[in-house]
Amino acid sequence: MEATRGLPPSEAARLETLVDWAAGSVVSRTLAQSPAGTVTLFAFDAGQGLSEHQAPYDALVHVLAGRVELTIGGRKVVAGPGEMVRMPANVPHAVDARERFKMLLTMIRG
């Protein structure tokens, strides 16, 4: 994964244009990071994913383009553009890009 510069303050931006797909890769761009959490954009090429893992904080997945299959606590959830899914803290989850997709991931600590 590749992380690039954050979002400039006080500017409007179209989220889906701030990160591009790369063949056979997962690309990420951290937009904001603080002790309270992070906001990161991701672009997954088809067939890419994140293996099962868990985090000690809630995560919100907002799909911007394409479709994704998430596995959360053993349950499969498919989401498309404009849909949001909450992944609870301390519950194993995985990401599977059945097609190219982009998401905004917001992780909230606390």
C-alpha atoms as a PDB file:
ATOM      1  CA  MET A   1       0.000   0.000   0.000  1.00  0.00           C
ATOM      2  CA  GLU A   2       1.107   3.500  -0.758  1.00  0.00           C
ATOM      3  CA  ALA A   3       0.284   6.501   1.418  1.00  0.00           C
ATOM      4  CA  THR A   4       0.449  10.011  -0.007  1.00  0.00           C
ATOM      5  CA  ARG A   5      -0.161  13.565   1.221  1.00  0.00           C
ATOM      6  CA  GLY A   6      -3.228  14.572   3.221  1.00  0.00           C
ATOM      7  CA  LEU A   7      -6.162  16.741   2.249  1.00  0.00           C
ATOM      8  CA  PRO A   8      -5.390  20.479   2.172  1.00  0.00           C
ATOM      9  CA  PRO A   9      -7.452  22.408   4.730  1.00  0.00           C
ATOM     10  CA  SER A  10     -10.263  24.755   3.714  1.00  0.00           C
ATOM     11  CA  GLU A  11     -10.689  23.325   0.206  1.00  0.00           C
ATOM     12  CA  ALA A  12     -13.561  21.420  -1.385  1.00  0.00           C
ATOM     13  CA  ALA A  13     -12.557  18.173  -3.087  1.00  0.00           C
ATOM     14  CA  ARG A  14     -14.337  15.280  -4.835  1.00  0.00           C
ATOM     15  CA  LEU A  15     -13.275  12.239  -2.836  1.00  0.00           C
ATOM     16  CA  GLU A  16     -13.240   9.735  -5.703  1.00  0.00           C
ATOM     17  CA  THR A  17     -10.717  11.889  -7.606  1.00  0.00           C
ATOM     18  CA  LEU A  18      -8.169  12.025  -4.774  1.00  0.00           C
ATOM     19  CA  VAL A  19      -6.939   8.448  -5.221  1.00  0.00           C
ATOM     20  CA  ASP A  20      -6.424   6.441  -8.429  1.00  0.00           C
ATOM     21  CA  TRP A  21      -6.482   2.728  -9.113  1.00  0.00           C
ATOM     22  CA  ALA A  22      -3.203   0.955  -9.904  1.00  0.00           C
ATOM     23  CA  ALA A  23      -3.087  -2.410 -11.660  1.00  0.00           C
ATOM     24  CA  GLY A  24      -2.788  -5.300  -9.207  1.00  0.00           C
ATOM     25  CA  SER A  25      -2.563  -2.976  -6.196  1.00  0.00           C
ATOM     26  CA  VAL A  26      -4.233  -1.338  -3.247  1.00  0.00           C
ATOM     27  CA  VAL A  27      -3.531   2.405  -3.106  1.00  0.00           C
ATOM     28  CA  SER A  28      -4.224   4.499  -0.018  1.00  0.00           C
ATOM     29  CA  ARG A  29      -4.152   8.186   0.837  1.00  0.00           C
ATOM     30  CA  THR A  30      -4.487   9.402   4.411  1.00  0.00           C
ATOM     31  CA  LEU A  31      -6.581  12.568   4.458  1.00  0.00           C
ATOM     32  CA  ALA A  32      -6.583  13.230   8.204  1.00  0.00           C
ATOM     33  CA  GLN A  33      -4.866  11.692  11.195  1.00  0.00           C
ATOM     34  CA  SER A  34      -5.128  12.575  14.875  1.00  0.00           C
ATOM     35  CA  PRO A  35      -5.233  10.836  18.259  1.00  0.00           C
ATOM     36  CA  ALA A  36      -9.026  10.553  17.767  1.00  0.00           C
ATOM     37  CA  GLY A  37      -8.728   8.529  14.541  1.00  0.00           C
ATOM     38  CA  THR A  38      -7.927   8.545  10.846  1.00  0.00           C
ATOM     39  CA  VAL A  39      -9.673   9.198   7.552  1.00  0.00           C
ATOM     40  CA  THR A  40      -8.163   7.317   4.611  1.00  0.00           C
ATOM     41  CA  LEU A  41      -9.112   6.874   0.956  1.00  0.00           C
ATOM     42  CA  PHE A  42      -8.464   3.523  -0.702  1.00  0.00           C
ATOM     43  CA  ALA A  43      -8.545   2.329  -4.318  1.00  0.00           C
ATOM     44  CA  PHE A  44      -8.537  -1.471  -4.735  1.00  0.00           C
ATOM     45  CA  ASP A  45      -7.958  -3.129  -8.089  1.00  0.00           C
ATOM     46  CA  ALA A  46     -10.172  -6.148  -8.821  1.00  0.00           C
ATOM     47  CA  GLY A  47      -8.946  -9.246  -7.009  1.00  0.00           C
ATOM     48  CA  GLN A  48      -7.118  -7.288  -4.316  1.00  0.00           C
ATOM     49  CA  GLY A  49      -8.060  -7.218  -0.646  1.00  0.00           C
ATOM     50  CA  LEU A  50      -7.070  -7.136   2.968  1.00  0.00           C
ATOM     51  CA  SER A  51      -6.846 -10.434   4.833  1.00  0.00           C
ATOM     52  CA  GLU A  52      -8.813 -10.965   8.019  1.00  0.00           C
ATOM     53  CA  HIS A  53      -7.693  -8.723  10.863  1.00  0.00           C
ATOM     54  CA  GLN A  54      -9.221  -6.737  13.688  1.00  0.00           C
ATOM     55  CA  ALA A  55      -8.791  -3.300  15.178  1.00  0.00           C
ATOM     56  CA  PRO A  56      -9.429  -1.929  18.675  1.00  0.00           C
ATOM     57  CA  TYR A  57     -11.740   0.819  17.294  1.00  0.00           C
ATOM     58  CA  ASP A  58     -14.833   1.139  15.112  1.00  0.00           C
ATOM     59  CA  ALA A  59     -14.327   1.584  11.373  1.00  0.00           C
ATOM     60  CA  LEU A  60     -16.810   3.052   8.882  1.00  0.00           C
ATOM     61  CA  VAL A  61     -16.508   2.014   5.227  1.00  0.00           C
ATOM     62  CA  HIS A  62     -18.150   4.421   2.762  1.00  0.00           C
ATOM     63  CA  VAL A  63     -18.069   3.010  -0.783  1.00  0.00           C
ATOM     64  CA  LEU A  64     -17.431   5.703  -3.407  1.00  0.00           C
ATOM     65  CA  ALA A  65     -17.169   3.595  -6.581  1.00  0.00           C
ATOM     66  CA  GLY A  66     -17.467  -0.080  -7.512  1.00  0.00           C
ATOM     67  CA  ARG A  67     -18.554  -2.855  -5.173  1.00  0.00           C
ATOM     68  CA  VAL A  68     -16.855  -4.583  -2.256  1.00  0.00           C
ATOM     69  CA  GLU A  69     -17.457  -7.746  -0.288  1.00  0.00           C
ATOM     70  CA  LEU A  70     -16.653  -7.341   3.400  1.00  0.00           C
ATOM     71  CA  THR A  71     -16.564 -10.236   5.832  1.00  0.00           C
ATOM     72  CA  ILE A  72     -17.317  -9.014   9.353  1.00  0.00           C
ATOM     73  CA  GLY A  73     -17.399 -11.525  12.169  1.00  0.00           C
ATOM     74  CA  GLY A  74     -17.911 -14.307   9.603  1.00  0.00           C
ATOM     75  CA  ARG A  75     -20.845 -12.530   7.913  1.00  0.00           C
ATOM     76  CA  LYS A  76     -20.506 -11.391   4.279  1.00  0.00           C
ATOM     77  CA  VAL A  77     -21.762  -7.917   3.374  1.00  0.00           C
ATOM     78  CA  VAL A  78     -21.749  -6.514  -0.172  1.00  0.00           C
ATOM     79  CA  ALA A  79     -21.790  -2.723  -0.539  1.00  0.00           C
ATOM     80  CA  GLY A  80     -21.852  -0.377  -3.515  1.00  0.00           C
ATOM     81  CA  PRO A  81     -21.587   3.343  -4.246  1.00  0.00           C
ATOM     82  CA  GLY A  82     -23.209   5.552  -1.637  1.00  0.00           C
ATOM     83  CA  GLU A  83     -23.496   2.736   0.903  1.00  0.00           C
ATOM     84  CA  MET A  84     -21.805   2.671   4.302  1.00  0.00           C
ATOM     85  CA  VAL A  85     -20.945  -0.266   6.560  1.00  0.00           C
ATOM     86  CA  ARG A  86     -19.793  -0.161  10.198  1.00  0.00           C
ATOM     87  CA  MET A  87     -17.151  -2.652  11.257  1.00  0.00           C
ATOM     88  CA  PRO A  88     -17.256  -2.882  15.065  1.00  0.00           C
ATOM     89  CA  ALA A  89     -14.133  -2.715  17.199  1.00  0.00           C
ATOM     90  CA  ASN A  90     -12.436  -6.018  18.032  1.00  0.00           C
ATOM     91  CA  VAL A  91     -14.435  -8.019  15.444  1.00  0.00           C
ATOM     92  CA  PRO A  92     -12.409  -9.807  12.736  1.00  0.00           C
ATOM     93  CA  HIS A  93     -13.012  -8.407   9.262  1.00  0.00           C
ATOM     94  CA  ALA A  94     -11.639  -8.760   5.726  1.00  0.00           C
ATOM     95  CA  VAL A  95     -11.976  -6.849   2.445  1.00  0.00           C
ATOM     96  CA  ASP A  96     -12.378  -8.504  -0.984  1.00  0.00           C
ATOM     97  CA  ALA A  97     -12.486  -6.413  -4.162  1.00  0.00           C
ATOM     98  CA  ARG A  98     -14.586  -8.518  -6.534  1.00  0.00           C
ATOM     99  CA  GLU A  99     -14.276  -5.545  -8.911  1.00  0.00           C
ATOM    100  CA  ARG A 100     -12.342  -2.271  -8.744  1.00  0.00           C
ATOM    101  CA  PHE A 101     -13.660  -0.098  -5.970  1.00  0.00           C
ATOM    102  CA  LYS A 102     -12.871   2.995  -3.925  1.00  0.00           C
ATOM    103  CA  MET A 103     -13.759   3.603  -0.306  1.00  0.00           C
ATOM    104  CA  LEU A 104     -13.388   6.198   2.391  1.00  0.00           C
ATOM    105  CA  LEU A 105     -12.384   4.525   5.661  1.00  0.00           C
ATOM    106  CA  THR A 106     -12.986   6.426   8.898  1.00  0.00           C
ATOM    107  CA  MET A 107     -11.510   4.876  12.030  1.00  0.00           C
ATOM    108  CA  ILE A 108     -12.700   6.236  15.353  1.00  0.00           C
ATOM    109  CA  ARG A 109     -10.626   5.602  18.453  1.00  0.00           C
ATOM    110  CA  GLY A 110     -12.108   5.813  21.890  1.00  0.00           C
END
